[in-house]
Amino acid sequence: MGFDRYQRHDGSKANILRQIWVREPCDVVAKLNLDLIKRWKLKQLRQDNAPSKYQEHVLTESGSTALCIAGDDDQSIYSPCLSG
């Protein structure tokens, strides 16, 4: 692809993610967060693990917020965007 994922950001995966959250535009960060949430949910399904009530709440709230920021109309797996 001609893209070195470590060229723009240095450090561990956690540090790279923090740098992305700080440096990249909000809509890019929101889409990244949505992808991370979907990946986590798929991993849980594959392992036949149901999320706890707390995990489901956090996923729903963070997913809703990310969808609002990203401007994504596909809200079928999350609650509607919060107003205000």
Protein backbone atom coordinates (compact mmCIF):
# COMPACT_ATOMS: atom_id res chain seq x y z
CA MET A 1 0.00 0.00 0.00
CA GLY A 2 2.98 2.32 0.33
CA PHE A 3 1.95 3.39 3.84
CA ASP A 4 4.09 2.98 6.94
CA ARG A 5 1.71 3.05 9.88
CA TYR A 6 4.54 3.95 12.26
CA GLN A 7 5.90 6.83 10.19
CA ARG A 8 3.46 9.45 11.57
CA HIS A 9 3.21 8.17 15.15
CA ASP A 10 5.79 6.70 17.54
CA GLY A 11 5.58 4.34 20.50
CA SER A 12 3.46 1.47 21.67
CA LYS A 13 0.05 0.71 20.17
CA ALA A 14 -1.60 2.51 23.10
CA ASN A 15 0.59 5.58 22.64
CA ILE A 16 -0.04 5.58 18.89
CA LEU A 17 -3.80 5.43 19.52
CA ARG A 18 -3.57 8.33 21.99
CA GLN A 19 -1.60 10.36 19.43
CA ILE A 20 -4.25 9.64 16.79
CA TRP A 21 -7.02 10.74 19.17
CA VAL A 22 -5.20 14.04 19.81
CA ARG A 23 -3.84 14.84 16.33
CA GLU A 24 -6.39 13.59 13.81
CA PRO A 25 -9.70 15.27 12.88
CA CYS A 26 -12.72 14.38 15.01
CA ASP A 27 -14.57 12.59 12.20
CA VAL A 28 -11.54 10.34 11.54
CA VAL A 29 -11.22 9.53 15.24
CA ALA A 30 -14.96 8.81 15.46
CA LYS A 31 -14.81 6.38 12.54
CA LEU A 32 -11.76 4.70 14.07
CA ASN A 33 -13.59 4.33 17.38
CA LEU A 34 -16.61 2.83 15.60
CA ASP A 35 -14.34 0.32 13.87
CA LEU A 36 -12.75 -0.59 17.19
CA ILE A 37 -16.17 -1.09 18.79
CA LYS A 38 -17.34 -3.28 15.90
CA ARG A 39 -14.13 -5.31 16.05
CA TRP A 40 -14.58 -5.87 19.80
CA LYS A 41 -18.21 -6.90 19.32
CA LEU A 42 -17.27 -9.36 16.57
CA LYS A 43 -14.55 -10.86 18.77
CA GLN A 44 -17.07 -11.33 21.58
CA LEU A 45 -19.53 -13.00 19.20
CA ARG A 46 -16.84 -15.29 17.83
CA GLN A 47 -15.92 -16.34 21.38
CA ASP A 48 -19.62 -16.69 22.26
CA ASN A 49 -19.30 -14.07 25.03
CA ALA A 50 -22.22 -11.82 25.85
CA PRO A 51 -21.31 -8.29 26.98
CA SER A 52 -22.23 -7.35 30.53
CA LYS A 53 -24.86 -4.68 31.13
CA TYR A 54 -22.07 -2.20 31.87
CA GLN A 55 -20.17 -3.09 28.66
CA GLU A 56 -23.35 -2.82 26.60
CA HIS A 57 -24.11 0.60 28.11
CA VAL A 58 -20.59 1.89 27.40
CA LEU A 59 -20.68 0.50 23.85
CA THR A 60 -24.07 2.05 23.15
CA GLU A 61 -23.14 5.47 24.54
CA SER A 62 -19.72 5.65 22.91
CA GLY A 63 -21.12 4.31 19.64
CA SER A 64 -23.88 6.92 19.62
CA THR A 65 -21.43 9.72 20.28
CA ALA A 66 -19.02 8.50 17.60
CA LEU A 67 -21.86 8.21 15.07
CA CYS A 68 -22.92 11.79 15.75
CA ILE A 69 -19.37 13.05 15.29
CA ALA A 70 -18.74 10.93 12.21
CA GLY A 71 -22.06 11.95 10.65
CA ASP A 72 -22.88 8.29 9.99
CA ASP A 73 -26.53 7.57 9.21
CA ASP A 74 -26.26 3.82 9.96
CA GLN A 75 -27.36 3.77 13.58
CA SER A 76 -28.97 0.35 13.51
CA ILE A 77 -26.67 -1.11 16.21
CA TYR A 78 -26.62 2.00 18.43
CA SER A 79 -29.16 4.26 20.05
CA PRO A 80 -30.04 7.49 18.20
CA CYS A 81 -27.65 10.44 18.42
CA LEU A 82 -27.96 12.54 21.51
CA SER A 83 -29.21 16.06 20.92
CA GLY A 84 -27.25 19.05 22.11
